[in-house]
Amino acid sequence: MLDIRVRSKRGRKAALKFLRKLVKRLAYVPDAIATDRLWFFSAAIRNLGPAERHVTGGRSNNRAKVSHQPTRRREWQQIRFKSPGSAQRCLSSHAAIANHVNVQRHLSSRRTLQTLGARAMADWREIVAA
């Protein structure tokens, strides 16, 4: 959330003011605050109090971006269609097929995976033929 906000003044004092205002608006006390690696955020969080844990990392503040990945995937699939309606019709049926046929590998052996895939395709052919 911090990387979305843009401040004209960048320093410990401005970051401390911003973080106090942010924490005050929350209904709960955060376990950790994730920011980028700028020095003034760590200085401000040290002054904020010992309860907050400061998490800095390459992708620790990526929760919003990661949560939209299925949406982005759908958007990229819809680019190939002429209208949103035709995309929705095609992709909704594709989702039903993909969820049924796509057997996740995880800890299965190759033979088990082939058996499950063949069974799923046979079931799908029965559904389509009906």
C-alpha atoms as a PDB file:
ATOM      1  CA  MET A   1       0.000   0.000   0.000  1.00  0.00           C
ATOM      2  CA  LEU A   2       2.916   2.306   0.593  1.00  0.00           C
ATOM      3  CA  ASP A   3       4.166   2.143  -2.954  1.00  0.00           C
ATOM      4  CA  ILE A   4       0.810   3.400  -4.246  1.00  0.00           C
ATOM      5  CA  ARG A   5       1.019   6.636  -2.280  1.00  0.00           C
ATOM      6  CA  VAL A   6       3.243   9.362  -3.685  1.00  0.00           C
ATOM      7  CA  ARG A   7       4.562  12.072  -1.424  1.00  0.00           C
ATOM      8  CA  SER A   8       6.278  15.264  -2.428  1.00  0.00           C
ATOM      9  CA  LYS A   9       8.545  15.188   0.636  1.00  0.00           C
ATOM     10  CA  ARG A  10      10.610  12.076   1.089  1.00  0.00           C
ATOM     11  CA  GLY A  11      12.344  11.704   4.389  1.00  0.00           C
ATOM     12  CA  ARG A  12      12.068  10.210   7.859  1.00  0.00           C
ATOM     13  CA  LYS A  13       9.743  12.919   9.150  1.00  0.00           C
ATOM     14  CA  ALA A  14       7.361  12.664   6.180  1.00  0.00           C
ATOM     15  CA  ALA A  15       7.402   8.854   6.323  1.00  0.00           C
ATOM     16  CA  LEU A  16       6.703   8.889  10.072  1.00  0.00           C
ATOM     17  CA  LYS A  17       3.768  11.256   9.592  1.00  0.00           C
ATOM     18  CA  PHE A  18       2.426   9.112   6.767  1.00  0.00           C
ATOM     19  CA  LEU A  19       2.778   5.828   8.696  1.00  0.00           C
ATOM     20  CA  ARG A  20       1.147   7.262  11.837  1.00  0.00           C
ATOM     21  CA  LYS A  21      -1.798   8.458   9.765  1.00  0.00           C
ATOM     22  CA  LEU A  22      -2.014   5.088   8.015  1.00  0.00           C
ATOM     23  CA  VAL A  23      -1.890   3.036  11.233  1.00  0.00           C
ATOM     24  CA  LYS A  24      -4.425   5.337  12.921  1.00  0.00           C
ATOM     25  CA  ARG A  25      -6.980   4.671  10.164  1.00  0.00           C
ATOM     26  CA  LEU A  26      -6.638   0.894  10.468  1.00  0.00           C
ATOM     27  CA  ALA A  27      -9.092  -1.005  12.651  1.00  0.00           C
ATOM     28  CA  TYR A  28      -6.308  -3.353  13.792  1.00  0.00           C
ATOM     29  CA  VAL A  29      -2.644  -3.195  14.710  1.00  0.00           C
ATOM     30  CA  PRO A  30      -0.556  -4.601  11.850  1.00  0.00           C
ATOM     31  CA  ASP A  31       1.842  -7.466  12.526  1.00  0.00           C
ATOM     32  CA  ALA A  32       4.251  -6.226   9.914  1.00  0.00           C
ATOM     33  CA  ILE A  33       4.652  -3.326   7.536  1.00  0.00           C
ATOM     34  CA  ALA A  34       6.012  -4.131   4.086  1.00  0.00           C
ATOM     35  CA  THR A  35       7.860  -1.374   2.242  1.00  0.00           C
ATOM     36  CA  ASP A  36      10.573  -1.020  -0.324  1.00  0.00           C
ATOM     37  CA  ARG A  37      14.189  -0.661   0.770  1.00  0.00           C
ATOM     38  CA  LEU A  38      14.252   3.107   1.218  1.00  0.00           C
ATOM     39  CA  TRP A  39      16.102   4.201   4.358  1.00  0.00           C
ATOM     40  CA  PHE A  40      13.519   6.655   5.627  1.00  0.00           C
ATOM     41  CA  PHE A  41      10.802   4.007   5.989  1.00  0.00           C
ATOM     42  CA  SER A  42      12.991   1.890   8.261  1.00  0.00           C
ATOM     43  CA  ALA A  43      13.931   4.975  10.304  1.00  0.00           C
ATOM     44  CA  ALA A  44      10.272   5.971  10.631  1.00  0.00           C
ATOM     45  CA  ILE A  45       9.168   2.474  11.649  1.00  0.00           C
ATOM     46  CA  ARG A  46      11.857   2.365  14.354  1.00  0.00           C
ATOM     47  CA  ASN A  47      10.354   5.572  15.784  1.00  0.00           C
ATOM     48  CA  LEU A  48       6.801   4.278  15.360  1.00  0.00           C
ATOM     49  CA  GLY A  49       7.154   1.591  17.985  1.00  0.00           C
ATOM     50  CA  PRO A  50       8.526  -1.854  18.755  1.00  0.00           C
ATOM     51  CA  ALA A  51       5.270  -3.693  17.904  1.00  0.00           C
ATOM     52  CA  GLU A  52       5.580  -3.350  14.143  1.00  0.00           C
ATOM     53  CA  ARG A  53       7.910  -5.588  12.210  1.00  0.00           C
ATOM     54  CA  HIS A  54       9.393  -4.034   9.088  1.00  0.00           C
ATOM     55  CA  VAL A  55       9.547  -6.351   6.093  1.00  0.00           C
ATOM     56  CA  THR A  56      11.680  -5.291   3.167  1.00  0.00           C
ATOM     57  CA  GLY A  57      12.273  -7.508   0.233  1.00  0.00           C
ATOM     58  CA  GLY A  58      12.108  -7.767  -3.475  1.00  0.00           C
ATOM     59  CA  ARG A  59       8.517  -8.945  -3.652  1.00  0.00           C
ATOM     60  CA  SER A  60       7.184  -8.740  -0.110  1.00  0.00           C
ATOM     61  CA  ASN A  61       4.919  -5.815  -0.952  1.00  0.00           C
ATOM     62  CA  ASN A  62       3.476  -7.568  -3.999  1.00  0.00           C
ATOM     63  CA  ARG A  63       0.273  -8.886  -2.451  1.00  0.00           C
ATOM     64  CA  ALA A  64      -1.997  -6.691  -4.563  1.00  0.00           C
ATOM     65  CA  LYS A  65      -0.220  -7.602  -7.762  1.00  0.00           C
ATOM     66  CA  VAL A  66      -0.225 -11.316  -6.991  1.00  0.00           C
ATOM     67  CA  SER A  67      -3.907 -11.351  -6.081  1.00  0.00           C
ATOM     68  CA  HIS A  68      -4.834 -10.034  -9.529  1.00  0.00           C
ATOM     69  CA  GLN A  69      -2.971 -12.714 -11.485  1.00  0.00           C
ATOM     70  CA  PRO A  70      -6.071 -14.766 -12.434  1.00  0.00           C
ATOM     71  CA  THR A  71      -7.780 -11.561 -13.565  1.00  0.00           C
ATOM     72  CA  ARG A  72      -4.801 -10.569 -15.667  1.00  0.00           C
ATOM     73  CA  ARG A  73      -4.671 -14.045 -17.202  1.00  0.00           C
ATOM     74  CA  ARG A  74      -8.338 -13.740 -18.187  1.00  0.00           C
ATOM     75  CA  GLU A  75      -7.723 -10.301 -19.650  1.00  0.00           C
ATOM     76  CA  TRP A  76      -4.891 -11.607 -21.812  1.00  0.00           C
ATOM     77  CA  GLN A  77      -7.103 -14.436 -23.030  1.00  0.00           C
ATOM     78  CA  GLN A  78      -9.873 -12.008 -23.938  1.00  0.00           C
ATOM     79  CA  ILE A  79      -7.618  -9.938 -26.201  1.00  0.00           C
ATOM     80  CA  ARG A  80      -7.991 -12.495 -28.991  1.00  0.00           C
ATOM     81  CA  PHE A  81     -11.786 -12.081 -29.178  1.00  0.00           C
ATOM     82  CA  LYS A  82     -13.783  -9.439 -31.026  1.00  0.00           C
ATOM     83  CA  SER A  83     -16.297  -8.753 -28.270  1.00  0.00           C
ATOM     84  CA  PRO A  84     -16.377  -9.267 -24.498  1.00  0.00           C
ATOM     85  CA  GLY A  85     -19.555 -11.351 -24.854  1.00  0.00           C
ATOM     86  CA  SER A  86     -17.988 -13.911 -27.161  1.00  0.00           C
ATOM     87  CA  ALA A  87     -14.915 -14.021 -24.940  1.00  0.00           C
ATOM     88  CA  GLN A  88     -17.051 -14.653 -21.869  1.00  0.00           C
ATOM     89  CA  ARG A  89     -19.003 -17.459 -23.567  1.00  0.00           C
ATOM     90  CA  CYS A  90     -15.886 -19.176 -24.817  1.00  0.00           C
ATOM     91  CA  LEU A  91     -13.764 -18.722 -21.702  1.00  0.00           C
ATOM     92  CA  SER A  92     -16.475 -19.810 -19.266  1.00  0.00           C
ATOM     93  CA  SER A  93     -16.884 -23.105 -21.129  1.00  0.00           C
ATOM     94  CA  HIS A  94     -13.099 -23.379 -21.398  1.00  0.00           C
ATOM     95  CA  ALA A  95     -12.794 -22.949 -17.626  1.00  0.00           C
ATOM     96  CA  ALA A  96     -15.200 -25.845 -17.065  1.00  0.00           C
ATOM     97  CA  ILE A  97     -13.192 -28.031 -19.434  1.00  0.00           C
ATOM     98  CA  ALA A  98      -9.823 -26.975 -18.054  1.00  0.00           C
ATOM     99  CA  ASN A  99     -10.870 -27.540 -14.444  1.00  0.00           C
ATOM    100  CA  HIS A 100     -12.105 -31.012 -15.315  1.00  0.00           C
ATOM    101  CA  VAL A 101      -9.283 -32.157 -17.579  1.00  0.00           C
ATOM    102  CA  ASN A 102      -6.271 -30.432 -16.034  1.00  0.00           C
ATOM    103  CA  VAL A 103      -4.965 -32.910 -13.481  1.00  0.00           C
ATOM    104  CA  GLN A 104      -2.264 -31.390 -11.290  1.00  0.00           C
ATOM    105  CA  ARG A 105       0.938 -33.381 -11.092  1.00  0.00           C
ATOM    106  CA  HIS A 106       2.048 -32.681  -7.503  1.00  0.00           C
ATOM    107  CA  LEU A 107       3.090 -36.041  -6.016  1.00  0.00           C
ATOM    108  CA  SER A 108       1.532 -38.383  -8.582  1.00  0.00           C
ATOM    109  CA  SER A 109       3.522 -40.825 -10.627  1.00  0.00           C
ATOM    110  CA  ARG A 110       3.506 -40.583 -14.409  1.00  0.00           C
ATOM    111  CA  ARG A 111       1.306 -43.678 -14.775  1.00  0.00           C
ATOM    112  CA  THR A 112      -1.269 -42.333 -12.288  1.00  0.00           C
ATOM    113  CA  LEU A 113      -1.263 -38.983 -14.065  1.00  0.00           C
ATOM    114  CA  GLN A 114      -1.878 -40.661 -17.440  1.00  0.00           C
ATOM    115  CA  THR A 115      -4.705 -42.762 -15.996  1.00  0.00           C
ATOM    116  CA  LEU A 116      -6.401 -39.753 -14.413  1.00  0.00           C
ATOM    117  CA  GLY A 117      -5.986 -37.708 -17.591  1.00  0.00           C
ATOM    118  CA  ALA A 118      -7.440 -40.474 -19.758  1.00  0.00           C
ATOM    119  CA  ARG A 119     -10.371 -40.908 -17.365  1.00  0.00           C
ATOM    120  CA  ALA A 120     -11.045 -37.156 -17.352  1.00  0.00           C
ATOM    121  CA  MET A 121     -10.981 -37.021 -21.163  1.00  0.00           C
ATOM    122  CA  ALA A 122     -13.324 -40.027 -21.397  1.00  0.00           C
ATOM    123  CA  ASP A 123     -15.729 -38.324 -18.977  1.00  0.00           C
ATOM    124  CA  TRP A 124     -15.518 -35.125 -20.994  1.00  0.00           C
ATOM    125  CA  ARG A 125     -16.258 -36.947 -24.269  1.00  0.00           C
ATOM    126  CA  GLU A 126     -19.348 -38.507 -22.649  1.00  0.00           C
ATOM    127  CA  ILE A 127     -20.529 -35.088 -21.465  1.00  0.00           C
ATOM    128  CA  VAL A 128     -20.019 -33.509 -24.889  1.00  0.00           C
ATOM    129  CA  ALA A 129     -21.700 -36.404 -26.721  1.00  0.00           C
ATOM    130  CA  ALA A 130     -24.806 -36.208 -24.512  1.00  0.00           C
END
